[in-house]
């Protein structure tokens, strides 16, 4: 089964209640348990995660935000709009192999960004890199949760490789 088909199947199987499909796009309706952040040093803006985001809260950083990247800036989540659906995490891990997206507990995000995450997105705020917090050498990258589908598939493959008793 191709990675794309595998991803579609896993997203259907592992979909959490607040996740919606692109044809059901709308606005955030409740405070999510977790929020996605991209590791801006691992993101090479392929356009996959913004394409799949059910609320359209992923966009490139402004040109010149990260030195040396010019207009080819990585993407980042507008955290106040994120619904915590995990779709960007799965897309990045399974369709691109960049594995640049992690989910972080909303309480931690509130502490880090110094603002409350509410039930509604509030006014538009452009995304920020948050490199010092959510990148490979950042303060919190180690606590972020990656792809659940990839983890499950790897576990299944290992079980299949084990000799039967």
C-alpha atoms as a PDB file:
ATOM      1  CA  UNK A   1       0.000   0.000   0.000  1.00  0.00           C
ATOM      2  CA  UNK A   2       1.408   3.386  -0.986  1.00  0.00           C
ATOM      3  CA  UNK A   3       2.222   5.867   1.765  1.00  0.00           C
ATOM      4  CA  UNK A   4      -0.620   8.153   0.649  1.00  0.00           C
ATOM      5  CA  UNK A   5      -3.211   5.380   0.895  1.00  0.00           C
ATOM      6  CA  UNK A   6      -1.740   4.224   4.207  1.00  0.00           C
ATOM      7  CA  UNK A   7      -1.981   7.771   5.572  1.00  0.00           C
ATOM      8  CA  UNK A   8      -5.606   8.128   4.473  1.00  0.00           C
ATOM      9  CA  UNK A   9      -6.494   4.809   6.116  1.00  0.00           C
ATOM     10  CA  UNK A  10      -4.688   5.660   9.384  1.00  0.00           C
ATOM     11  CA  UNK A  11      -6.255   9.097   9.583  1.00  0.00           C
ATOM     12  CA  UNK A  12      -9.682   7.497   9.260  1.00  0.00           C
ATOM     13  CA  UNK A  13      -8.865   4.850  11.896  1.00  0.00           C
ATOM     14  CA  UNK A  14      -7.089   7.109  14.384  1.00  0.00           C
ATOM     15  CA  UNK A  15      -9.079  10.284  13.849  1.00  0.00           C
ATOM     16  CA  UNK A  16      -9.802  12.100  17.084  1.00  0.00           C
ATOM     17  CA  UNK A  17     -13.289  13.582  17.616  1.00  0.00           C
ATOM     18  CA  UNK A  18     -12.493  17.229  16.913  1.00  0.00           C
ATOM     19  CA  UNK A  19     -10.668  16.483  13.638  1.00  0.00           C
ATOM     20  CA  UNK A  20     -12.569  17.427  10.519  1.00  0.00           C
ATOM     21  CA  UNK A  21     -12.031  16.629   6.852  1.00  0.00           C
ATOM     22  CA  UNK A  22     -11.222  19.459   4.420  1.00  0.00           C
ATOM     23  CA  UNK A  23     -14.790  19.525   3.071  1.00  0.00           C
ATOM     24  CA  UNK A  24     -15.958  20.213   6.649  1.00  0.00           C
ATOM     25  CA  UNK A  25     -13.647  23.226   7.227  1.00  0.00           C
ATOM     26  CA  UNK A  26     -14.805  25.722   9.720  1.00  0.00           C
ATOM     27  CA  UNK A  27     -13.525  27.570  12.742  1.00  0.00           C
ATOM     28  CA  UNK A  28     -12.157  26.308  15.997  1.00  0.00           C
ATOM     29  CA  UNK A  29     -15.010  25.408  18.339  1.00  0.00           C
ATOM     30  CA  UNK A  30     -13.184  24.448  21.541  1.00  0.00           C
ATOM     31  CA  UNK A  31      -9.818  24.667  23.238  1.00  0.00           C
ATOM     32  CA  UNK A  32      -7.662  21.776  21.956  1.00  0.00           C
ATOM     33  CA  UNK A  33      -5.700  19.462  24.256  1.00  0.00           C
ATOM     34  CA  UNK A  34      -2.596  19.849  22.093  1.00  0.00           C
ATOM     35  CA  UNK A  35      -1.275  22.321  19.535  1.00  0.00           C
ATOM     36  CA  UNK A  36       1.042  21.710  16.582  1.00  0.00           C
ATOM     37  CA  UNK A  37       4.352  23.489  16.040  1.00  0.00           C
ATOM     38  CA  UNK A  38       6.801  23.026  13.202  1.00  0.00           C
ATOM     39  CA  UNK A  39      10.526  22.664  13.781  1.00  0.00           C
ATOM     40  CA  UNK A  40      11.516  25.512  11.463  1.00  0.00           C
ATOM     41  CA  UNK A  41      14.964  23.980  10.980  1.00  0.00           C
ATOM     42  CA  UNK A  42      13.497  20.725   9.644  1.00  0.00           C
ATOM     43  CA  UNK A  43      10.707  22.286   7.552  1.00  0.00           C
ATOM     44  CA  UNK A  44      11.386  22.703   3.863  1.00  0.00           C
ATOM     45  CA  UNK A  45       8.131  24.285   2.726  1.00  0.00           C
ATOM     46  CA  UNK A  46       6.665  21.596   0.501  1.00  0.00           C
ATOM     47  CA  UNK A  47       3.104  22.856   0.953  1.00  0.00           C
ATOM     48  CA  UNK A  48       1.654  19.554   2.165  1.00  0.00           C
ATOM     49  CA  UNK A  49       0.615  20.476   5.718  1.00  0.00           C
ATOM     50  CA  UNK A  50      -1.119  23.773   4.772  1.00  0.00           C
ATOM     51  CA  UNK A  51      -2.962  21.855   2.066  1.00  0.00           C
ATOM     52  CA  UNK A  52      -4.304  19.296   4.557  1.00  0.00           C
ATOM     53  CA  UNK A  53      -4.953  21.622   7.525  1.00  0.00           C
ATOM     54  CA  UNK A  54      -8.708  21.512   8.184  1.00  0.00           C
ATOM     55  CA  UNK A  55      -8.818  25.070   9.559  1.00  0.00           C
ATOM     56  CA  UNK A  56      -6.162  26.649   7.348  1.00  0.00           C
ATOM     57  CA  UNK A  57      -3.960  27.826  10.232  1.00  0.00           C
ATOM     58  CA  UNK A  58      -0.571  26.945   8.700  1.00  0.00           C
ATOM     59  CA  UNK A  59       1.321  29.490   6.609  1.00  0.00           C
ATOM     60  CA  UNK A  60       4.897  30.397   5.690  1.00  0.00           C
ATOM     61  CA  UNK A  61       6.809  32.757   7.921  1.00  0.00           C
ATOM     62  CA  UNK A  62       7.279  36.261   6.511  1.00  0.00           C
ATOM     63  CA  UNK A  63      10.171  36.625   4.023  1.00  0.00           C
ATOM     64  CA  UNK A  64      13.446  37.244   5.831  1.00  0.00           C
ATOM     65  CA  UNK A  65      12.221  35.872   9.199  1.00  0.00           C
ATOM     66  CA  UNK A  66      14.943  33.225   9.329  1.00  0.00           C
ATOM     67  CA  UNK A  67      18.329  34.397   8.039  1.00  0.00           C
ATOM     68  CA  UNK A  68      19.645  32.567   5.002  1.00  0.00           C
ATOM     69  CA  UNK A  69      16.218  31.313   3.886  1.00  0.00           C
ATOM     70  CA  UNK A  70      15.196  34.429   1.934  1.00  0.00           C
ATOM     71  CA  UNK A  71      11.679  34.042   0.542  1.00  0.00           C
ATOM     72  CA  UNK A  72      11.790  30.239   1.051  1.00  0.00           C
ATOM     73  CA  UNK A  73      10.696  30.426   4.681  1.00  0.00           C
ATOM     74  CA  UNK A  74       9.396  27.374   6.572  1.00  0.00           C
ATOM     75  CA  UNK A  75       5.763  27.165   7.598  1.00  0.00           C
ATOM     76  CA  UNK A  76       4.425  27.543  11.122  1.00  0.00           C
ATOM     77  CA  UNK A  77       1.072  27.194  12.850  1.00  0.00           C
ATOM     78  CA  UNK A  78      -0.965  30.156  13.988  1.00  0.00           C
ATOM     79  CA  UNK A  79      -1.379  28.503  17.385  1.00  0.00           C
ATOM     80  CA  UNK A  80      -4.534  30.383  18.410  1.00  0.00           C
ATOM     81  CA  UNK A  81      -6.359  28.765  15.474  1.00  0.00           C
ATOM     82  CA  UNK A  82      -5.000  25.195  15.780  1.00  0.00           C
ATOM     83  CA  UNK A  83      -7.632  22.554  16.663  1.00  0.00           C
ATOM     84  CA  UNK A  84      -5.105  19.856  17.618  1.00  0.00           C
ATOM     85  CA  UNK A  85      -6.209  17.358  14.966  1.00  0.00           C
ATOM     86  CA  UNK A  86      -2.727  15.794  14.301  1.00  0.00           C
ATOM     87  CA  UNK A  87      -3.270  15.866  10.530  1.00  0.00           C
ATOM     88  CA  UNK A  88      -0.209  18.063   9.860  1.00  0.00           C
ATOM     89  CA  UNK A  89       1.922  15.762  12.027  1.00  0.00           C
ATOM     90  CA  UNK A  90       0.849  12.693  10.054  1.00  0.00           C
ATOM     91  CA  UNK A  91       1.171  14.392   6.667  1.00  0.00           C
ATOM     92  CA  UNK A  92       4.684  15.626   7.439  1.00  0.00           C
ATOM     93  CA  UNK A  93       5.876  12.274   8.777  1.00  0.00           C
ATOM     94  CA  UNK A  94       4.239  10.009   6.202  1.00  0.00           C
ATOM     95  CA  UNK A  95       4.162  12.046   2.992  1.00  0.00           C
ATOM     96  CA  UNK A  96       7.378  14.064   3.232  1.00  0.00           C
ATOM     97  CA  UNK A  97       9.705  12.214   5.639  1.00  0.00           C
ATOM     98  CA  UNK A  98      10.681  15.612   7.124  1.00  0.00           C
ATOM     99  CA  UNK A  99       9.006  14.766  10.440  1.00  0.00           C
ATOM    100  CA  UNK A 100       9.130  18.450  11.335  1.00  0.00           C
ATOM    101  CA  UNK A 101       5.830  18.723  13.246  1.00  0.00           C
ATOM    102  CA  UNK A 102       5.157  17.885  16.882  1.00  0.00           C
ATOM    103  CA  UNK A 103       2.119  18.298  19.116  1.00  0.00           C
ATOM    104  CA  UNK A 104       2.514  20.057  22.466  1.00  0.00           C
ATOM    105  CA  UNK A 105       0.228  20.177  25.479  1.00  0.00           C
ATOM    106  CA  UNK A 106      -1.840  23.360  25.374  1.00  0.00           C
ATOM    107  CA  UNK A 107      -0.924  24.282  28.967  1.00  0.00           C
ATOM    108  CA  UNK A 108       2.782  24.187  28.002  1.00  0.00           C
ATOM    109  CA  UNK A 109       2.108  26.306  24.903  1.00  0.00           C
ATOM    110  CA  UNK A 110       0.258  28.887  27.004  1.00  0.00           C
ATOM    111  CA  UNK A 111       3.215  29.043  29.387  1.00  0.00           C
ATOM    112  CA  UNK A 112       5.749  29.372  26.545  1.00  0.00           C
ATOM    113  CA  UNK A 113       3.895  31.989  24.474  1.00  0.00           C
ATOM    114  CA  UNK A 114       2.556  33.849  27.500  1.00  0.00           C
ATOM    115  CA  UNK A 115      -1.044  33.909  26.381  1.00  0.00           C
ATOM    116  CA  UNK A 116      -4.245  31.973  26.954  1.00  0.00           C
ATOM    117  CA  UNK A 117      -5.510  29.623  24.226  1.00  0.00           C
ATOM    118  CA  UNK A 118      -9.257  29.979  23.999  1.00  0.00           C
ATOM    119  CA  UNK A 119     -12.259  28.341  22.398  1.00  0.00           C
ATOM    120  CA  UNK A 120     -12.169  30.753  19.478  1.00  0.00           C
ATOM    121  CA  UNK A 121      -9.162  31.900  17.445  1.00  0.00           C
ATOM    122  CA  UNK A 122      -9.336  35.620  18.170  1.00  0.00           C
ATOM    123  CA  UNK A 123      -7.827  38.208  15.823  1.00  0.00           C
ATOM    124  CA  UNK A 124      -5.338  37.135  13.129  1.00  0.00           C
ATOM    125  CA  UNK A 125      -1.710  36.964  14.269  1.00  0.00           C
ATOM    126  CA  UNK A 126       1.032  36.058  11.785  1.00  0.00           C
ATOM    127  CA  UNK A 127       3.019  32.940  12.698  1.00  0.00           C
ATOM    128  CA  UNK A 128       6.341  33.188  14.528  1.00  0.00           C
ATOM    129  CA  UNK A 129       9.263  30.712  14.293  1.00  0.00           C
ATOM    130  CA  UNK A 130       9.457  29.750  18.014  1.00  0.00           C
ATOM    131  CA  UNK A 131      12.828  28.209  17.166  1.00  0.00           C
ATOM    132  CA  UNK A 132      14.126  28.512  20.737  1.00  0.00           C
ATOM    133  CA  UNK A 133      11.232  26.405  22.038  1.00  0.00           C
ATOM    134  CA  UNK A 134      10.042  23.910  19.413  1.00  0.00           C
ATOM    135  CA  UNK A 135      13.070  23.169  17.202  1.00  0.00           C
ATOM    136  CA  UNK A 136      15.578  20.333  17.476  1.00  0.00           C
ATOM    137  CA  UNK A 137      17.735  22.170  20.021  1.00  0.00           C
ATOM    138  CA  UNK A 138      14.797  24.062  21.489  1.00  0.00           C
ATOM    139  CA  UNK A 139      13.742  23.913  25.111  1.00  0.00           C
ATOM    140  CA  UNK A 140      10.651  21.741  24.505  1.00  0.00           C
ATOM    141  CA  UNK A 141      11.175  19.691  21.310  1.00  0.00           C
ATOM    142  CA  UNK A 142      11.832  16.576  23.427  1.00  0.00           C
ATOM    143  CA  UNK A 143       8.312  16.640  24.920  1.00  0.00           C
ATOM    144  CA  UNK A 144       6.452  17.024  21.616  1.00  0.00           C
ATOM    145  CA  UNK A 145       4.479  14.064  20.303  1.00  0.00           C
ATOM    146  CA  UNK A 146       5.130  12.936  16.742  1.00  0.00           C
ATOM    147  CA  UNK A 147       3.200  10.767  14.310  1.00  0.00           C
ATOM    148  CA  UNK A 148       0.852   8.292  15.945  1.00  0.00           C
ATOM    149  CA  UNK A 149       0.200   6.490  12.663  1.00  0.00           C
ATOM    150  CA  UNK A 150       3.909   6.095  11.883  1.00  0.00           C
ATOM    151  CA  UNK A 151       4.539   4.841  15.417  1.00  0.00           C
ATOM    152  CA  UNK A 152       1.702   2.336  15.058  1.00  0.00           C
ATOM    153  CA  UNK A 153       2.899   1.152  11.625  1.00  0.00           C
ATOM    154  CA  UNK A 154       6.454   0.698  12.921  1.00  0.00           C
ATOM    155  CA  UNK A 155       5.130  -1.274  15.880  1.00  0.00           C
ATOM    156  CA  UNK A 156       3.070  -3.485  13.536  1.00  0.00           C
ATOM    157  CA  UNK A 157       6.084  -4.091  11.282  1.00  0.00           C
ATOM    158  CA  UNK A 158       8.214  -5.090  14.272  1.00  0.00           C
ATOM    159  CA  UNK A 159       5.520  -7.498  15.439  1.00  0.00           C
ATOM    160  CA  UNK A 160       5.366  -9.083  11.989  1.00  0.00           C
ATOM    161  CA  UNK A 161       9.149  -9.561  11.961  1.00  0.00           C
ATOM    162  CA  UNK A 162       9.209 -11.311  15.347  1.00  0.00           C
ATOM    163  CA  UNK A 163       9.403 -15.106  15.160  1.00  0.00           C
ATOM    164  CA  UNK A 164       6.146 -16.794  16.091  1.00  0.00           C
ATOM    165  CA  UNK A 165       6.368 -18.987  19.171  1.00  0.00           C
END
